[in-house]
N, C-alpha and C. Protein backbone atom coordinates (compact mmCIF):
# COMPACT_ATOMS: atom_id res chain seq x y z
N UNK A 1 -158.35 66.67 61.14
CA UNK A 1 -158.49 68.20 61.75
C UNK A 1 -160.25 68.27 61.97
N UNK A 2 -160.40 68.74 63.26
CA UNK A 2 -161.64 68.97 63.59
C UNK A 2 -162.32 70.58 63.20
N UNK A 3 -163.25 71.11 62.75
CA UNK A 3 -163.63 72.13 62.09
C UNK A 3 -164.48 72.80 63.71
N UNK A 4 -163.98 74.09 64.03
CA UNK A 4 -164.60 74.27 65.18
C UNK A 4 -165.79 75.83 64.29
N UNK A 5 -167.01 76.11 65.05
CA UNK A 5 -167.85 76.83 64.76
C UNK A 5 -167.94 78.07 65.50
N UNK A 6 -167.88 79.19 64.77
CA UNK A 6 -167.78 80.48 65.51
C UNK A 6 -169.19 80.95 65.82
N UNK A 7 -169.87 80.84 66.97
CA UNK A 7 -171.00 81.41 66.96
C UNK A 7 -171.42 82.91 67.47
N UNK A 8 -170.28 83.55 67.59
CA UNK A 8 -170.51 85.07 68.19
C UNK A 8 -170.78 85.78 66.82
N UNK A 9 -171.08 85.12 65.66
CA UNK A 9 -171.41 86.16 64.37
C UNK A 9 -172.86 86.28 64.38
N UNK A 10 -173.43 84.75 65.10
CA UNK A 10 -174.94 84.65 64.94
C UNK A 10 -175.43 85.68 66.23
N UNK A 11 -174.77 85.60 67.38
CA UNK A 11 -175.12 86.62 68.55
C UNK A 11 -175.12 87.81 67.95
N UNK A 12 -174.42 88.31 67.19
CA UNK A 12 -173.89 89.82 66.57
C UNK A 12 -175.20 89.83 65.71
N UNK A 13 -175.72 89.10 64.57
CA UNK A 13 -176.61 89.50 63.60
C UNK A 13 -178.21 89.52 64.71
N UNK A 14 -178.13 88.85 65.59
CA UNK A 14 -179.40 88.50 66.50
C UNK A 14 -179.52 90.02 67.37
N UNK A 15 -178.27 90.26 68.22
CA UNK A 15 -178.16 91.81 68.54
C UNK A 15 -178.86 92.69 67.49
N UNK A 16 -178.06 92.69 66.54
CA UNK A 16 -178.47 93.63 65.69
C UNK A 16 -179.92 94.18 65.14
N UNK A 17 -180.72 92.47 65.08
CA UNK A 17 -182.19 92.74 64.67
C UNK A 17 -182.83 93.30 65.87
N UNK A 18 -182.45 92.76 67.05
CA UNK A 18 -183.12 93.30 68.35
C UNK A 18 -183.20 95.04 67.98
N UNK A 19 -181.87 95.37 68.16
CA UNK A 19 -181.55 96.89 68.20
C UNK A 19 -182.14 97.36 67.15
N UNK A 20 -182.20 97.03 65.73
CA UNK A 20 -183.17 97.88 64.78
C UNK A 20 -184.68 97.62 65.21
N UNK A 21 -185.10 96.59 65.81
CA UNK A 21 -186.16 96.58 66.38
C UNK A 21 -186.54 97.44 67.36
N UNK A 22 -185.87 97.82 68.20
CA UNK A 22 -186.02 98.63 69.39
C UNK A 22 -186.01 100.01 68.62
N UNK A 23 -184.83 100.47 67.85
CA UNK A 23 -185.19 101.82 67.20
C UNK A 23 -186.25 101.90 66.58
N UNK A 24 -186.86 100.97 65.55
CA UNK A 24 -188.07 101.14 65.06
C UNK A 24 -189.40 101.58 66.18
N UNK A 25 -189.66 101.07 66.92
CA UNK A 25 -190.40 100.75 68.11
C UNK A 25 -190.43 102.43 68.75
N UNK A 26 -189.13 102.69 69.02
CA UNK A 26 -188.73 103.83 69.37
C UNK A 26 -189.26 104.84 68.68
N UNK A 27 -188.96 104.67 67.17
CA UNK A 27 -189.23 105.83 66.29
C UNK A 27 -190.84 106.10 65.94
N UNK A 28 -191.84 104.92 66.35
CA UNK A 28 -192.95 104.71 65.99
C UNK A 28 -193.66 105.38 67.53
N UNK A 29 -192.93 105.12 68.93
CA UNK A 29 -193.65 105.39 69.97
C UNK A 29 -193.33 106.90 69.85
N UNK A 30 -192.29 107.35 69.33
CA UNK A 30 -191.92 108.94 69.31
C UNK A 30 -193.13 109.44 68.40
N UNK A 31 -193.33 108.95 67.12
CA UNK A 31 -194.38 109.63 66.53
C UNK A 31 -195.73 109.73 67.06
N UNK A 32 -196.01 108.64 67.68
CA UNK A 32 -197.05 108.95 68.59
C UNK A 32 -197.14 110.08 69.57
N UNK A 33 -196.81 109.95 70.29
CA UNK A 33 -196.52 111.10 71.40
C UNK A 33 -196.47 112.44 70.88
N UNK A 34 -195.59 112.93 69.59
CA UNK A 34 -195.46 114.11 69.25
C UNK A 34 -197.05 114.32 68.94
N UNK A 35 -197.77 113.40 67.99
CA UNK A 35 -198.98 113.69 67.39
C UNK A 35 -199.83 114.06 68.55
N UNK A 36 -199.81 113.34 69.42
CA UNK A 36 -200.80 113.28 70.66
C UNK A 36 -200.45 114.87 71.43
N UNK A 37 -199.31 115.33 71.70
CA UNK A 37 -198.69 116.56 72.15
C UNK A 37 -199.44 117.73 71.31
N UNK A 38 -199.34 117.45 69.93
CA UNK A 38 -199.54 118.39 68.87
C UNK A 38 -201.17 118.64 68.80
N UNK A 39 -201.90 117.69 69.05
CA UNK A 39 -203.58 117.31 69.06
C UNK A 39 -203.92 117.94 70.49
N UNK A 40 -203.23 117.99 71.83
CA UNK A 40 -203.48 118.53 72.73
C UNK A 40 -202.90 119.91 72.69
N UNK A 41 -202.20 120.52 72.03
CA UNK A 41 -202.22 122.10 71.91
C UNK A 41 -202.70 122.67 71.55
N UNK A 42 -202.99 121.86 70.10
CA UNK A 42 -204.09 122.77 69.13
C UNK A 42 -205.43 122.62 70.10
N UNK A 43 -206.22 121.99 71.25
CA UNK A 43 -206.99 121.82 71.60
C UNK A 43 -207.07 122.95 72.51
N UNK A 44 -205.87 122.63 73.19
CA UNK A 44 -205.78 123.99 74.30
C UNK A 44 -206.19 125.44 73.59
N UNK A 45 -205.25 125.70 72.44
CA UNK A 45 -205.20 126.52 71.99
C UNK A 45 -206.97 126.96 71.32
N UNK A 46 -207.42 126.42 71.11
CA UNK A 46 -209.00 126.31 70.46
C UNK A 46 -209.79 126.96 71.47
N UNK A 47 -209.32 126.38 72.81
CA UNK A 47 -210.19 126.34 73.91
C UNK A 47 -210.01 127.50 74.63
N UNK A 48 -208.75 128.18 74.36
CA UNK A 48 -208.12 129.79 74.85
C UNK A 48 -208.59 130.43 73.99
N UNK A 49 -209.27 130.14 72.86
CA UNK A 49 -209.19 131.01 71.63
C UNK A 49 -211.09 131.45 71.92
N UNK A 50 -211.75 130.49 71.97
CA UNK A 50 -213.28 130.17 72.73
C UNK A 50 -213.28 131.21 73.51
N UNK A 51 -212.67 130.70 75.01
CA UNK A 51 -212.71 131.43 76.02
C UNK A 51 -212.18 133.22 76.06
N UNK A 52 -211.34 133.38 75.37
CA UNK A 52 -211.12 135.13 75.10
C UNK A 52 -212.18 135.34 74.43
N UNK A 53 -213.07 134.68 73.25
CA UNK A 53 -213.91 135.61 72.25
C UNK A 53 -215.18 135.76 73.40
N UNK A 54 -215.11 134.75 74.32
CA UNK A 54 -216.83 134.74 75.17
C UNK A 54 -216.51 136.02 76.15
N UNK A 55 -215.34 136.13 76.76
CA UNK A 55 -215.15 136.80 78.02
C UNK A 55 -214.62 138.20 77.34
N UNK A 56 -213.83 138.37 76.18
CA UNK A 56 -213.76 139.77 75.79
C UNK A 56 -214.98 140.44 75.00
N UNK A 57 -215.83 139.67 74.57
CA UNK A 57 -216.78 140.28 73.74
C UNK A 57 -218.45 140.09 74.67
N UNK A 58 -218.64 140.93 75.51
CA UNK A 58 -219.92 140.56 76.18
C UNK A 58 -220.81 141.93 75.92
N UNK A 59 -222.28 141.96 76.33
CA UNK A 59 -223.13 142.82 76.75
C UNK A 59 -223.32 142.64 78.22
N UNK A 60 -223.41 144.19 78.62
CA UNK A 60 -223.98 144.43 79.64
C UNK A 60 -225.44 145.02 79.86
N UNK A 61 -226.37 144.50 80.61
CA UNK A 61 -227.41 145.38 80.99
C UNK A 61 -227.35 146.02 82.22
N UNK A 62 -227.20 147.22 81.84
CA UNK A 62 -227.55 148.43 83.02
C UNK A 62 -228.59 148.82 83.72
N UNK A 63 -229.68 148.88 82.53
CA UNK A 63 -231.04 149.10 83.34
C UNK A 63 -232.13 148.91 82.70
N UNK A 64 -233.55 148.77 83.06
CA UNK A 64 -234.43 148.30 82.50
C UNK A 64 -235.41 149.22 82.57
N UNK A 65 -236.59 149.80 81.98
CA UNK A 65 -237.35 150.47 81.94
C UNK A 65 -239.15 149.89 81.53
N UNK A 66 -239.99 150.22 82.18
CA UNK A 66 -241.27 149.93 81.61
C UNK A 66 -241.56 150.85 80.37
N UNK A 67 -241.96 150.31 79.18
CA UNK A 67 -241.64 151.70 78.03
C UNK A 67 -243.19 151.82 77.85
N UNK A 68 -244.25 151.12 77.69
CA UNK A 68 -245.55 151.39 77.54
C UNK A 68 -246.41 150.67 78.40
N UNK A 69 -247.59 150.92 78.91
CA UNK A 69 -248.94 150.18 79.41
C UNK A 69 -249.19 148.64 79.09
N UNK A 70 -248.53 148.43 78.25
CA UNK A 70 -248.66 146.84 77.20
C UNK A 70 -247.93 146.03 77.59
N UNK A 71 -246.71 146.54 76.80
CA UNK A 71 -245.81 144.97 76.84
C UNK A 71 -244.35 145.38 76.72
N UNK A 72 -243.97 146.50 76.16
CA UNK A 72 -242.62 146.91 75.84
C UNK A 72 -241.95 147.00 76.96
N UNK A 73 -240.73 146.73 77.03
CA UNK A 73 -239.49 147.47 78.29
C UNK A 73 -238.16 148.01 77.12
N UNK A 74 -237.82 148.67 78.03
CA UNK A 74 -236.76 149.60 77.46
C UNK A 74 -235.12 149.07 78.15
N UNK A 75 -234.15 149.25 77.60
CA UNK A 75 -233.00 148.39 78.18
C UNK A 75 -232.11 149.55 77.85
N UNK A 76 -231.22 150.13 78.87
CA UNK A 76 -229.36 150.10 78.33
C UNK A 76 -228.79 149.39 78.92
N UNK A 77 -227.86 149.44 77.85
CA UNK A 77 -226.64 148.47 77.71
C UNK A 77 -225.43 149.09 77.44
N UNK A 78 -224.08 148.21 77.81
CA UNK A 78 -222.86 148.46 77.51
C UNK A 78 -222.01 147.65 76.58
N UNK A 79 -221.82 147.76 75.33
CA UNK A 79 -221.19 146.68 74.60
C UNK A 79 -219.66 146.73 74.84
N UNK A 80 -218.87 145.62 75.39
CA UNK A 80 -217.70 145.74 75.73
C UNK A 80 -217.07 144.62 74.55
N UNK A 81 -216.04 144.88 74.25
CA UNK A 81 -215.26 144.05 73.06
C UNK A 81 -213.71 144.35 72.84
N UNK A 82 -212.90 143.72 72.50
CA UNK A 82 -211.63 143.97 72.37
C UNK A 82 -211.29 144.07 71.20
N UNK A 83 -211.71 145.23 70.30
CA UNK A 83 -211.57 146.15 69.28
C UNK A 83 -212.78 145.30 67.98
N UNK A 84 -213.56 144.71 68.80
CA UNK A 84 -214.65 144.12 67.26
C UNK A 84 -215.73 144.71 67.36
N UNK A 85 -216.50 145.32 66.49
CA UNK A 85 -217.88 145.88 66.44
C UNK A 85 -218.59 144.71 65.91
N UNK A 86 -219.68 144.81 66.16
CA UNK A 86 -220.77 143.79 65.63
C UNK A 86 -222.15 144.71 65.31
N UNK A 87 -222.59 143.86 64.63
CA UNK A 87 -224.03 144.38 63.31
C UNK A 87 -224.87 144.07 65.00
N UNK A 88 -225.91 145.27 65.06
CA UNK A 88 -227.16 144.75 66.16
C UNK A 88 -228.16 143.45 65.53
N UNK A 89 -227.92 143.30 63.97
CA UNK A 89 -228.51 142.27 63.89
C UNK A 89 -228.47 140.91 64.09
N UNK A 90 -226.97 140.99 64.26
CA UNK A 90 -226.26 139.74 64.83
C UNK A 90 -226.48 139.40 66.19
N UNK A 91 -227.02 140.15 67.12
CA UNK A 91 -227.01 140.06 68.77
C UNK A 91 -228.45 139.56 68.84
N UNK A 92 -228.87 138.35 69.11
CA UNK A 92 -230.02 138.12 69.31
C UNK A 92 -230.72 138.03 71.18
N UNK A 93 -231.41 138.22 71.17
CA UNK A 93 -232.33 138.12 72.41
C UNK A 93 -233.37 137.24 72.75
N UNK A 94 -233.78 136.50 73.96
CA UNK A 94 -234.74 135.99 74.49
C UNK A 94 -235.44 136.29 75.41
N UNK A 95 -236.85 136.93 75.43
CA UNK A 95 -237.84 137.11 76.27
C UNK A 95 -238.47 135.93 76.87
N UNK A 96 -238.79 135.49 77.97
CA UNK A 96 -239.06 133.91 78.61
C UNK A 96 -239.76 133.98 79.72
N UNK A 97 -241.13 133.68 80.12
CA UNK A 97 -241.70 133.59 81.21
C UNK A 97 -242.49 132.20 81.53
N UNK A 98 -242.59 131.63 82.53
CA UNK A 98 -243.65 130.68 82.79
C UNK A 98 -244.77 131.23 83.72
N UNK A 99 -246.01 130.64 83.42
CA UNK A 99 -247.10 130.87 84.44
C UNK A 99 -248.33 129.44 84.09
N UNK A 100 -248.53 129.04 85.49
CA UNK A 100 -249.80 127.80 85.60
C UNK A 100 -249.19 126.67 84.83
N UNK A 101 -247.72 126.46 84.90
CA UNK A 101 -247.11 125.50 83.91
C UNK A 101 -246.78 125.67 82.14
N UNK A 102 -247.33 126.93 81.82
CA UNK A 102 -247.27 127.01 80.68
C UNK A 102 -246.08 128.22 80.52
N UNK A 103 -245.32 127.75 79.40
CA UNK A 103 -243.80 128.27 78.82
C UNK A 103 -244.02 129.40 77.98
N UNK A 104 -243.77 130.83 77.93
CA UNK A 104 -244.01 131.95 77.01
C UNK A 104 -242.43 132.24 76.39
N UNK A 105 -242.42 132.31 75.19
CA UNK A 105 -241.14 132.98 75.02
C UNK A 105 -241.37 133.77 73.72
N UNK A 106 -240.32 134.93 73.49
CA UNK A 106 -240.44 135.45 72.23
C UNK A 106 -238.99 135.94 71.95
N UNK A 107 -238.48 135.85 70.56
CA UNK A 107 -237.40 136.31 70.29
C UNK A 107 -237.07 137.36 69.15
N UNK A 108 -236.04 137.78 69.35
CA UNK A 108 -235.68 138.57 68.28
C UNK A 108 -233.93 139.07 68.27
N UNK A 109 -233.63 140.38 67.34
CA UNK A 109 -232.74 140.84 67.33
C UNK A 109 -232.62 142.00 67.91
N UNK A 110 -231.27 142.72 68.43
CA UNK A 110 -231.28 144.03 68.94
C UNK A 110 -231.85 145.17 67.92
N UNK A 111 -232.48 145.11 66.69
CA UNK A 111 -232.52 146.03 65.55
C UNK A 111 -233.85 145.76 65.29
N UNK A 112 -234.75 144.68 66.09
CA UNK A 112 -236.19 144.29 65.68
C UNK A 112 -237.33 144.71 66.35
N UNK A 113 -236.91 145.80 67.21
CA UNK A 113 -238.12 146.71 68.24
C UNK A 113 -239.28 147.26 66.91
N UNK A 114 -240.53 146.89 67.11
CA UNK A 114 -241.37 147.18 66.06
C UNK A 114 -242.06 148.46 66.64
N UNK A 115 -242.06 148.92 68.00
CA UNK A 115 -242.94 150.18 68.60
C UNK A 115 -242.28 151.17 68.53
N UNK A 116 -240.74 151.30 68.66
CA UNK A 116 -240.07 152.30 68.41
C UNK A 116 -239.71 153.08 67.44
N UNK A 117 -239.17 154.41 67.57
CA UNK A 117 -238.76 155.16 66.42
C UNK A 117 -237.41 154.52 65.99
N UNK A 118 -236.64 153.88 66.88
CA UNK A 118 -235.35 153.57 66.48
C UNK A 118 -235.60 152.22 67.33
N UNK A 119 -234.74 151.10 66.81
CA UNK A 119 -234.65 149.86 67.18
C UNK A 119 -233.82 149.97 68.31
N UNK A 120 -232.13 150.42 67.98
CA UNK A 120 -231.37 150.73 68.83
C UNK A 120 -230.65 152.06 68.49
N UNK A 121 -230.39 152.73 69.52
CA UNK A 121 -229.78 153.89 69.35
C UNK A 121 -228.45 154.04 70.71
N UNK A 122 -228.03 155.22 70.24
CA UNK A 122 -226.49 155.41 71.56
C UNK A 122 -227.14 156.43 72.58
N UNK A 123 -226.91 156.07 73.95
CA UNK A 123 -227.16 157.18 74.61
C UNK A 123 -226.83 158.41 74.65
N UNK A 124 -228.02 159.27 74.56
CA UNK A 124 -227.20 160.70 74.37
C UNK A 124 -227.37 160.92 73.09
N UNK A 125 -228.17 160.31 72.05
CA UNK A 125 -228.39 160.94 70.93
C UNK A 125 -230.00 160.65 70.37
N UNK A 126 -230.68 161.24 69.65
CA UNK A 126 -231.88 160.84 68.93
C UNK A 126 -232.15 159.60 68.97
N UNK A 127 -233.13 158.86 69.11
CA UNK A 127 -233.48 157.44 68.65
C UNK A 127 -233.27 157.27 67.19
N UNK A 128 -232.47 156.77 66.89
CA UNK A 128 -232.46 156.02 65.12
C UNK A 128 -231.56 155.14 65.19
N UNK A 129 -231.48 153.89 64.76
CA UNK A 129 -231.16 152.65 64.56
C UNK A 129 -229.61 152.86 64.31
N UNK A 130 -228.50 152.29 64.69
CA UNK A 130 -227.44 152.46 64.61
C UNK A 130 -227.00 151.32 63.95
N UNK A 131 -226.10 151.20 63.27
CA UNK A 131 -225.81 149.88 62.55
C UNK A 131 -224.49 149.19 62.77
N UNK A 132 -223.93 149.48 63.89
CA UNK A 132 -222.77 148.73 64.34
C UNK A 132 -222.41 149.30 65.69
N UNK A 133 -222.49 148.26 66.57
CA UNK A 133 -222.19 148.30 68.01
C UNK A 133 -220.57 148.60 68.32
N UNK A 134 -220.06 149.51 68.90
CA UNK A 134 -218.94 150.28 69.05
C UNK A 134 -218.32 149.83 70.61
N UNK A 135 -217.31 149.18 70.98
CA UNK A 135 -216.67 149.04 72.13
C UNK A 135 -216.80 150.01 73.22
N UNK A 136 -217.46 149.76 74.53
CA UNK A 136 -217.41 150.74 75.23
C UNK A 136 -218.65 151.63 75.45
N UNK A 137 -219.33 151.59 74.35
CA UNK A 137 -220.27 152.68 74.07
C UNK A 137 -221.66 152.17 74.62
N UNK A 138 -222.42 153.00 75.19
CA UNK A 138 -223.91 152.86 75.82
C UNK A 138 -225.00 152.97 74.78
N UNK A 139 -225.93 152.12 75.01
CA UNK A 139 -226.93 151.83 73.65
C UNK A 139 -228.21 151.62 74.51
N UNK A 140 -229.63 152.41 74.08
CA UNK A 140 -230.79 151.99 74.40
C UNK A 140 -231.80 151.27 73.05
N UNK A 141 -232.35 149.97 73.87
CA UNK A 141 -232.95 149.39 72.33
C UNK A 141 -234.47 148.73 73.63
N UNK A 142 -234.89 148.71 72.49
CA UNK A 142 -236.45 148.13 73.17
C UNK A 142 -237.09 146.69 72.82
N UNK A 143 -237.73 146.25 73.19
CA UNK A 143 -238.16 144.80 73.07
C UNK A 143 -239.70 144.68 73.47
N UNK A 144 -240.42 144.04 72.63
CA UNK A 144 -241.96 143.94 72.95
C UNK A 144 -242.06 142.29 73.22
N UNK A 145 -243.24 142.50 74.50
CA UNK A 145 -243.53 141.06 74.90
C UNK A 145 -244.15 140.00 74.14
N UNK A 146 -245.16 139.57 74.82
CA UNK A 146 -245.78 138.67 73.60
C UNK A 146 -245.13 137.23 73.15
N UNK A 147 -245.34 136.38 72.05
CA UNK A 147 -244.69 135.48 71.80
C UNK A 147 -244.31 135.33 70.45
N UNK A 148 -243.56 134.62 69.79
CA UNK A 148 -243.38 134.43 68.39
C UNK A 148 -244.52 133.83 67.58
N UNK A 149 -245.27 133.27 68.33
CA UNK A 149 -246.60 132.36 67.69
C UNK A 149 -247.69 133.91 67.75
N UNK A 150 -247.68 134.62 68.50
CA UNK A 150 -248.48 136.03 69.29
C UNK A 150 -247.75 137.08 69.10
N UNK A 151 -247.08 137.73 68.30
CA UNK A 151 -246.28 138.95 68.66
C UNK A 151 -246.76 140.28 69.32
N UNK A 152 -248.46 140.21 69.30
CA UNK A 152 -248.89 141.32 69.21
C UNK A 152 -249.53 140.99 70.68
N UNK A 153 -249.27 139.79 71.56
CA UNK A 153 -249.57 139.71 72.86
C UNK A 153 -249.11 140.11 73.96
N UNK A 154 -249.21 140.12 75.23
CA UNK A 154 -248.81 140.93 76.35
C UNK A 154 -247.90 140.30 77.04
N UNK A 155 -247.78 138.52 76.91
CA UNK A 155 -247.20 137.51 77.38
C UNK A 155 -245.60 137.95 77.82
N UNK A 156 -245.35 137.57 78.95
CA UNK A 156 -243.96 138.24 79.71
C UNK A 156 -243.77 140.00 79.62
N UNK A 157 -244.65 140.57 79.06
CA UNK A 157 -244.71 141.89 78.92
C UNK A 157 -244.51 142.59 80.61
N UNK A 158 -244.03 143.79 80.92
CA UNK A 158 -244.21 144.41 82.02
C UNK A 158 -245.65 144.27 83.23
N UNK A 159 -246.80 144.87 82.51
CA UNK A 159 -247.89 144.28 83.03
C UNK A 159 -248.24 143.28 83.73
N UNK A 160 -247.77 142.09 82.51
CA UNK A 160 -248.47 140.68 82.16
C UNK A 160 -247.72 140.25 83.08
N UNK A 161 -246.49 140.34 83.64
CA UNK A 161 -245.25 139.45 84.71
C UNK A 161 -246.26 140.62 85.99
N UNK A 162 -246.40 141.29 85.85
CA UNK A 162 -246.36 142.27 87.51
C UNK A 162 -247.85 141.98 87.73
N UNK A 163 -249.09 141.99 87.27
CA UNK A 163 -250.07 141.36 87.44
C UNK A 163 -250.07 139.81 87.99
N UNK A 164 -249.00 139.10 87.57
CA UNK A 164 -249.61 137.95 88.04
C UNK A 164 -248.27 137.20 89.07
N UNK A 165 -247.54 138.35 89.27
CA UNK A 165 -246.50 138.13 90.20
C UNK A 165 -245.73 137.58 90.29
N UNK A 166 -245.00 137.31 88.73
CA UNK A 166 -243.85 136.33 88.59
C UNK A 166 -242.92 137.07 87.73
N UNK A 167 -241.79 136.28 87.58
CA UNK A 167 -240.45 137.09 87.14
C UNK A 167 -240.63 136.74 85.43
N UNK A 168 -239.63 137.50 84.43
CA UNK A 168 -239.38 136.94 83.41
C UNK A 168 -238.02 136.88 83.16
N UNK A 169 -237.43 135.96 82.31
CA UNK A 169 -235.90 136.04 81.99
C UNK A 169 -235.27 136.70 80.70
N UNK A 170 -234.60 137.48 80.47
CA UNK A 170 -234.21 138.13 79.49
C UNK A 170 -232.45 137.61 79.34
N UNK A 171 -232.47 137.24 77.93
CA UNK A 171 -231.28 136.56 77.28
C UNK A 171 -230.57 137.62 76.36
N UNK A 172 -229.58 137.72 76.22
CA UNK A 172 -228.64 138.43 74.80
C UNK A 172 -227.61 137.52 74.59
N UNK A 173 -227.66 136.71 73.57
CA UNK A 173 -226.96 136.03 72.61
C UNK A 173 -225.68 136.81 71.76
N UNK A 174 -224.60 136.87 72.16
CA UNK A 174 -223.27 137.22 71.15
C UNK A 174 -223.11 136.44 70.01
N UNK A 175 -222.61 136.80 68.70
CA UNK A 175 -222.79 136.54 68.17
C UNK A 175 -221.16 135.00 68.06
N UNK A 176 -220.26 135.55 69.20
CA UNK A 176 -219.50 134.77 69.40
C UNK A 176 -219.48 133.72 70.17
N UNK A 177 -220.75 133.58 70.88
CA UNK A 177 -221.12 132.70 72.07
C UNK A 177 -221.27 132.97 73.18
N UNK A 178 -220.96 134.60 73.67
CA UNK A 178 -221.31 134.99 75.07
C UNK A 178 -222.92 135.36 75.16
N UNK A 179 -223.39 134.79 76.48
CA UNK A 179 -224.79 134.90 76.79
C UNK A 179 -224.58 135.83 78.06
N UNK A 180 -225.41 136.86 78.23
CA UNK A 180 -225.91 137.72 79.33
C UNK A 180 -227.50 137.64 79.76
N UNK A 181 -227.36 137.17 80.81
CA UNK A 181 -229.04 136.94 81.53
C UNK A 181 -229.63 137.99 82.81
N UNK A 182 -230.41 138.23 82.72
CA UNK A 182 -231.02 139.38 83.64
C UNK A 182 -232.51 138.53 83.88
N UNK A 183 -232.71 138.54 84.65
CA UNK A 183 -233.93 138.28 85.58
C UNK A 183 -234.92 139.47 85.83
N UNK A 184 -235.91 139.51 85.18
CA UNK A 184 -236.67 140.66 85.33
C UNK A 184 -238.06 140.86 86.13
N UNK A 185 -237.98 141.72 87.01
CA UNK A 185 -239.39 141.96 88.34
C UNK A 185 -239.55 142.95 88.01
N UNK A 186 -241.25 143.14 87.62
CA UNK A 186 -241.49 144.38 87.53
C UNK A 186 -242.89 144.94 89.27
N UNK A 187 -242.52 145.55 89.73
CA UNK A 187 -243.03 145.94 91.14
C UNK A 187 -244.33 147.31 90.85
N UNK A 188 -243.65 147.96 89.85
CA UNK A 188 -244.87 148.97 89.35
C UNK A 188 -244.72 149.01 87.85
N UNK A 189 -246.00 149.12 87.40
CA UNK A 189 -246.27 148.85 85.81
C UNK A 189 -246.37 150.29 85.04
N UNK A 190 -246.18 151.45 85.59
CA UNK A 190 -246.12 152.26 84.97
C UNK A 190 -244.91 153.06 84.34
N UNK A 191 -245.12 153.38 83.07
CA UNK A 191 -244.25 154.23 82.12
C UNK A 191 -243.12 154.92 83.13
N UNK A 192 -241.79 153.93 82.69
CA UNK A 192 -240.85 154.80 83.15
C UNK A 192 -240.34 154.17 84.52
N UNK A 193 -241.10 153.08 84.69
CA UNK A 193 -240.64 152.54 86.10
C UNK A 193 -239.65 151.52 85.90
N UNK A 194 -238.86 151.55 87.30
CA UNK A 194 -237.24 150.85 86.71
C UNK A 194 -237.81 149.27 86.70
N UNK A 195 -237.13 148.35 86.29
CA UNK A 195 -237.48 147.11 86.18
C UNK A 195 -236.14 145.93 86.66
N UNK A 196 -236.81 145.71 87.93
CA UNK A 196 -235.31 145.13 88.88
C UNK A 196 -235.19 143.77 88.34
């Protein structure tokens, strides 16, 4: 009697091994895709959050004037935010200019004016420093020219840039990363004259 072998079982086991390998590859691929989509969604949320913080919290420079005969400016700003108050000490400014290949700059915070009776105060009220900026309100604040190395200097101040026929750049940096930039040009250095 001749024995016959049934090879169908071998094919079935082979197919089962291939099927299990496909299931494992599909599970691993699904896990990688899900992880990549989650990372992309988180990055998008962080980017949107940062962009909304910057756009929703900003400082608008409404006007600027010559404050004294030497180096002071007076600014009027409007603070805009989506409900978030900010401490003036956390809002930084930089005044810079360039003349004859030399770069000059001075920095400080909104509450660091040395010359005035109040560093920053609400429009329509007596000069006295405020402790927090409220959304939608307008404020006056002053800054001194000079440099960080020479705080009593006049570099980039109204008379200094007017006499040299140059402009200065003024930047306000918000704690959340928003930046407001204004080019300052002085055509009339008398006290109270508008800075364009």
